[in-house]
N, C-alpha and C. Protein backbone atom coordinates (compact mmCIF):
# COMPACT_ATOMS: atom_id res chain seq x y z
N MET A 1 112.96 121.69 46.89
CA MET A 1 114.33 121.49 47.54
C MET A 1 114.47 122.17 48.46
N MET A 2 115.51 121.61 49.32
CA MET A 2 115.88 122.18 50.74
C MET A 2 117.07 122.65 50.37
N ASP A 3 117.65 124.12 50.56
CA ASP A 3 119.14 124.50 50.52
C ASP A 3 119.58 124.80 52.00
N GLY A 4 119.22 124.15 53.24
CA GLY A 4 119.34 124.59 54.12
C GLY A 4 118.72 125.81 55.00
N THR A 5 118.38 126.88 54.36
CA THR A 5 117.78 128.01 54.87
C THR A 5 116.31 127.62 55.17
N HIS A 6 115.64 126.66 55.07
CA HIS A 6 114.32 126.46 55.31
C HIS A 6 114.43 124.89 56.40
N MET A 7 113.31 125.49 57.66
CA MET A 7 113.40 124.08 58.24
C MET A 7 111.78 123.32 58.00
N MET A 8 112.16 122.07 58.14
CA MET A 8 111.06 120.91 57.94
C MET A 8 110.17 121.17 58.95
N GLN A 9 109.18 120.92 58.73
CA GLN A 9 107.91 120.99 59.43
C GLN A 9 107.94 119.28 59.98
N SER A 10 107.28 119.72 61.11
CA SER A 10 107.17 118.21 62.06
C SER A 10 105.53 118.19 62.24
N ASN A 11 105.44 116.96 62.12
CA ASN A 11 103.82 116.56 62.55
C ASN A 11 103.64 116.31 63.99
N LEU A 12 104.80 116.16 64.87
CA LEU A 12 104.86 115.95 66.18
C LEU A 12 104.25 117.00 67.19
N ALA A 13 103.62 117.07 68.16
CA ALA A 13 103.00 117.55 68.89
C ALA A 13 104.38 118.26 69.90
N PRO A 14 104.13 119.38 70.21
CA PRO A 14 104.79 120.02 70.74
C PRO A 14 105.49 119.56 72.25
N ALA A 15 106.26 119.52 72.71
CA ALA A 15 106.95 118.66 74.35
C ALA A 15 105.60 119.51 75.34
N PRO A 16 105.47 119.07 76.05
CA PRO A 16 104.79 119.61 76.85
C PRO A 16 105.58 120.44 77.94
N GLN A 17 105.42 121.78 78.32
CA GLN A 17 106.12 122.43 79.40
C GLN A 17 105.99 122.05 80.63
N PHE A 18 107.48 121.98 81.14
CA PHE A 18 107.77 121.66 82.39
C PHE A 18 106.88 122.42 83.54
N GLN A 19 106.37 121.86 84.29
CA GLN A 19 105.46 122.57 85.34
C GLN A 19 105.96 122.43 86.65
N PRO A 20 106.78 123.28 87.02
CA PRO A 20 107.65 122.99 88.30
C PRO A 20 106.85 123.36 89.89
N ASP A 21 105.30 123.73 89.31
CA ASP A 21 104.72 123.53 90.81
C ASP A 21 103.77 122.46 90.95
N HIS A 22 104.16 121.41 90.67
CA HIS A 22 103.33 120.06 90.85
C HIS A 22 104.15 118.95 90.75
N VAL A 23 103.80 117.41 90.93
CA VAL A 23 104.01 116.22 90.77
C VAL A 23 102.93 115.29 90.51
N VAL A 24 103.11 114.34 89.70
CA VAL A 24 102.34 113.39 89.26
C VAL A 24 102.69 112.14 89.71
N ILE A 25 101.77 111.50 90.74
CA ILE A 25 102.42 110.07 91.22
C ILE A 25 100.90 109.27 90.73
N GLY A 26 101.17 108.53 90.42
CA GLY A 26 99.82 107.21 89.68
C GLY A 26 98.98 107.84 89.22
N GLY A 27 99.02 109.13 88.34
CA GLY A 27 97.81 109.67 87.79
C GLY A 27 97.37 111.03 88.53
N ARG A 28 97.86 111.14 89.77
CA ARG A 28 96.94 112.07 90.54
C ARG A 28 97.84 113.27 90.34
N THR A 29 97.48 114.42 90.28
CA THR A 29 98.60 115.61 90.66
C THR A 29 98.76 116.32 91.92
N LEU A 30 99.60 116.41 92.30
CA LEU A 30 99.51 117.30 93.74
C LEU A 30 100.42 118.65 93.39
N GLY A 31 99.54 119.77 93.92
CA GLY A 31 101.06 120.59 94.00
C GLY A 31 101.84 120.73 95.07
N PHE A 32 102.77 121.41 95.09
CA PHE A 32 104.01 121.37 95.78
C PHE A 32 103.14 121.93 97.07
N ASP A 33 101.99 122.84 97.27
CA ASP A 33 102.04 123.30 98.50
C ASP A 33 100.74 122.02 99.00
N GLU A 34 100.74 120.89 98.22
CA GLU A 34 99.71 119.75 98.97
C GLU A 34 101.07 118.76 99.43
N ILE A 35 102.11 118.92 99.46
CA ILE A 35 102.58 117.67 99.58
C ILE A 35 103.43 117.78 101.20
N LEU A 36 103.87 119.12 101.57
CA LEU A 36 104.59 119.36 103.07
C LEU A 36 103.62 120.00 103.83
N ASN A 37 103.81 119.99 105.00
CA ASN A 37 102.90 120.44 105.99
C ASN A 37 103.48 121.86 106.19
N GLU A 38 102.97 123.08 105.29
CA GLU A 38 103.74 124.29 105.70
C GLU A 38 103.92 124.84 107.28
N LYS A 39 102.99 124.47 107.89
CA LYS A 39 103.19 124.90 109.71
C LYS A 39 104.84 124.62 110.27
N LEU A 40 104.90 123.38 109.44
CA LEU A 40 106.16 122.81 110.50
C LEU A 40 107.70 123.67 109.60
N LEU A 41 106.99 124.71 108.51
CA LEU A 41 108.31 125.65 107.82
C LEU A 41 108.39 126.75 108.21
N THR A 42 107.47 127.57 109.54
CA THR A 42 107.52 128.80 110.26
C THR A 42 108.76 129.20 110.41
N PRO A 43 109.13 130.23 110.56
CA PRO A 43 110.56 130.51 111.43
C PRO A 43 110.14 130.35 112.77
N SER A 44 109.09 130.79 113.26
CA SER A 44 108.73 130.19 115.07
C SER A 44 108.88 128.69 114.75
N LYS A 45 108.47 127.85 114.14
CA LYS A 45 108.67 126.40 114.26
C LYS A 45 109.83 126.26 113.76
N ILE A 46 110.70 126.67 113.02
CA ILE A 46 111.90 126.20 112.93
C ILE A 46 112.68 126.30 114.06
N ALA A 47 112.35 127.68 114.77
CA ALA A 47 113.44 127.70 115.85
C ALA A 47 113.01 126.88 117.03
N GLU A 48 111.91 126.45 117.24
CA GLU A 48 111.54 125.23 117.97
C GLU A 48 111.94 124.18 117.99
N LEU A 49 112.06 123.82 116.53
CA LEU A 49 112.63 122.76 116.08
C LEU A 49 114.25 122.56 116.28
N SER A 50 114.95 123.63 116.00
CA SER A 50 116.25 123.89 115.84
C SER A 50 116.59 123.43 117.63
N GLU A 51 116.12 124.21 118.71
CA GLU A 51 116.05 123.97 120.06
C GLU A 51 115.85 122.66 120.65
N ALA A 52 114.36 121.73 120.04
CA ALA A 52 114.40 120.38 120.42
C ALA A 52 115.61 119.75 119.95
N PHE A 53 115.98 119.69 119.01
CA PHE A 53 117.24 118.92 117.83
C PHE A 53 118.59 119.24 119.40
N LYS A 54 118.50 120.08 119.49
CA LYS A 54 119.91 120.67 120.37
C LYS A 54 120.05 119.65 121.34
N TYR A 55 118.74 119.66 122.30
CA TYR A 55 118.69 119.03 123.39
C TYR A 55 118.05 117.92 123.73
N ASN A 56 117.65 117.39 122.41
CA ASN A 56 116.74 116.05 122.67
C ASN A 56 118.10 114.81 123.37
N LYS A 57 117.59 114.02 123.89
CA LYS A 57 118.64 112.97 124.24
C LYS A 57 118.16 111.21 124.21
N PRO A 58 118.98 110.73 123.66
CA PRO A 58 120.62 110.77 124.59
C PRO A 58 121.74 111.29 123.27
N PHE A 59 120.64 111.80 122.32
CA PHE A 59 121.78 112.33 121.11
C PHE A 59 120.81 113.15 120.18
N PRO A 60 120.92 114.17 119.65
CA PRO A 60 120.48 115.38 118.62
C PRO A 60 119.64 114.91 117.88
N TYR A 61 118.16 114.63 117.82
CA TYR A 61 117.14 114.27 116.51
C TYR A 61 115.85 115.09 116.58
N LEU A 62 115.34 114.77 115.65
CA LEU A 62 113.87 114.88 114.99
C LEU A 62 113.17 114.59 115.02
N VAL A 63 111.52 114.54 115.51
CA VAL A 63 110.66 113.86 114.90
C VAL A 63 109.52 115.06 113.90
N PHE A 64 109.60 114.61 112.69
CA PHE A 64 108.55 115.13 111.83
C PHE A 64 107.19 114.70 111.99
N ASP A 65 106.40 114.78 112.63
CA ASP A 65 104.97 114.18 112.92
C ASP A 65 103.95 115.12 111.95
N GLY A 66 103.74 114.73 111.06
CA GLY A 66 102.78 115.33 110.24
C GLY A 66 103.49 116.25 108.98
N LEU A 67 104.97 115.68 108.50
CA LEU A 67 105.36 116.92 107.63
C LEU A 67 105.07 116.64 106.32
N PHE A 68 104.65 115.58 106.00
CA PHE A 68 104.25 114.66 104.88
C PHE A 68 102.60 114.75 104.45
N SER A 69 101.85 114.91 103.17
CA SER A 69 100.34 115.05 103.00
C SER A 69 100.26 113.70 103.33
N PRO A 70 99.12 113.41 103.78
CA PRO A 70 98.42 111.83 104.19
C PRO A 70 98.35 111.56 102.50
N VAL A 71 98.06 112.32 101.89
CA VAL A 71 97.17 111.88 100.40
C VAL A 71 99.04 111.63 99.61
N LEU A 72 100.01 112.29 99.85
CA LEU A 72 101.11 111.95 99.32
C LEU A 72 101.94 110.86 99.26
N LEU A 73 101.43 110.25 101.07
CA LEU A 73 102.26 109.00 101.44
C LEU A 73 100.93 107.92 100.91
N GLU A 74 100.07 107.88 100.75
CA GLU A 74 99.44 107.00 100.40
C GLU A 74 99.56 106.89 98.76
N LEU A 75 99.64 107.62 98.11
CA LEU A 75 100.35 107.54 96.80
C LEU A 75 101.43 106.94 96.66
N MET A 76 102.23 107.08 97.24
CA MET A 76 103.87 106.76 97.45
C MET A 76 103.48 105.18 97.82
N TYR A 77 102.55 104.79 99.10
CA TYR A 77 102.77 103.50 99.21
C TYR A 77 102.11 102.54 98.04
N GLU A 78 101.10 103.16 97.26
CA GLU A 78 100.77 102.06 95.92
C GLU A 78 101.47 102.02 95.46
N ASP A 79 102.19 103.53 94.89
CA ASP A 79 103.26 103.19 93.97
C ASP A 79 104.01 101.97 94.29
N PHE A 80 104.92 101.85 95.55
CA PHE A 80 105.57 100.67 96.21
C PHE A 80 104.76 99.22 95.73
N ASP A 81 103.56 99.32 96.22
CA ASP A 81 102.80 98.31 96.27
C ASP A 81 102.56 97.68 94.75
N ARG A 82 102.60 98.50 93.87
CA ARG A 82 102.57 98.14 92.20
C ARG A 82 103.80 97.83 91.75
N LEU A 83 105.49 98.44 92.49
CA LEU A 83 106.02 97.85 92.25
C LEU A 83 106.62 96.25 92.40
N LYS A 84 105.86 96.07 93.50
CA LYS A 84 105.90 94.85 94.23
C LYS A 84 105.26 93.98 93.74
N ASN A 85 104.06 94.02 93.11
CA ASN A 85 102.99 93.33 92.61
C ASN A 85 103.37 93.35 90.77
N ASP A 86 104.14 94.03 90.17
CA ASP A 86 103.99 94.18 88.99
C ASP A 86 105.16 92.99 88.19
N ASP A 87 105.27 92.48 86.99
CA ASP A 87 105.68 91.81 86.71
C ASP A 87 107.10 91.69 86.35
N CYS A 88 107.83 92.32 87.23
CA CYS A 88 109.34 92.96 86.81
C CYS A 88 110.24 91.58 87.61
N ALA A 89 111.44 91.13 86.96
CA ALA A 89 112.27 90.57 87.44
C ALA A 89 113.35 91.66 88.28
N PHE A 90 113.45 90.96 89.45
CA PHE A 90 114.55 91.99 90.17
C PHE A 90 115.54 91.02 90.56
N SER A 91 116.72 91.13 90.20
CA SER A 91 118.26 90.42 90.29
C SER A 91 118.71 90.92 91.58
N THR A 92 119.58 89.92 92.41
CA THR A 92 120.15 90.60 93.64
C THR A 92 121.61 89.72 92.99
N LEU A 93 122.56 90.61 92.50
CA LEU A 93 123.54 89.87 92.39
C LEU A 93 124.75 90.11 93.25
């Protein structure tokens, strides 16, 4: 008899712990250190990009060539391709 002081046991497996150090895309795990090109995040590169932004013409802009990992971009492309080819019905209301 349950009197409120005992907790019921569950046969459910515990929820997986959140791992803030990676993402999983299409079943592939990428560590956060594999997503961005960290060479673009150094203080000297940030200063260089800041100056380029200020003086680019005809308006301030930046081009981040190589910011994202090619593996990440390929996985994202495959995900979009799967969305396009899935049997999903998209509505344009």
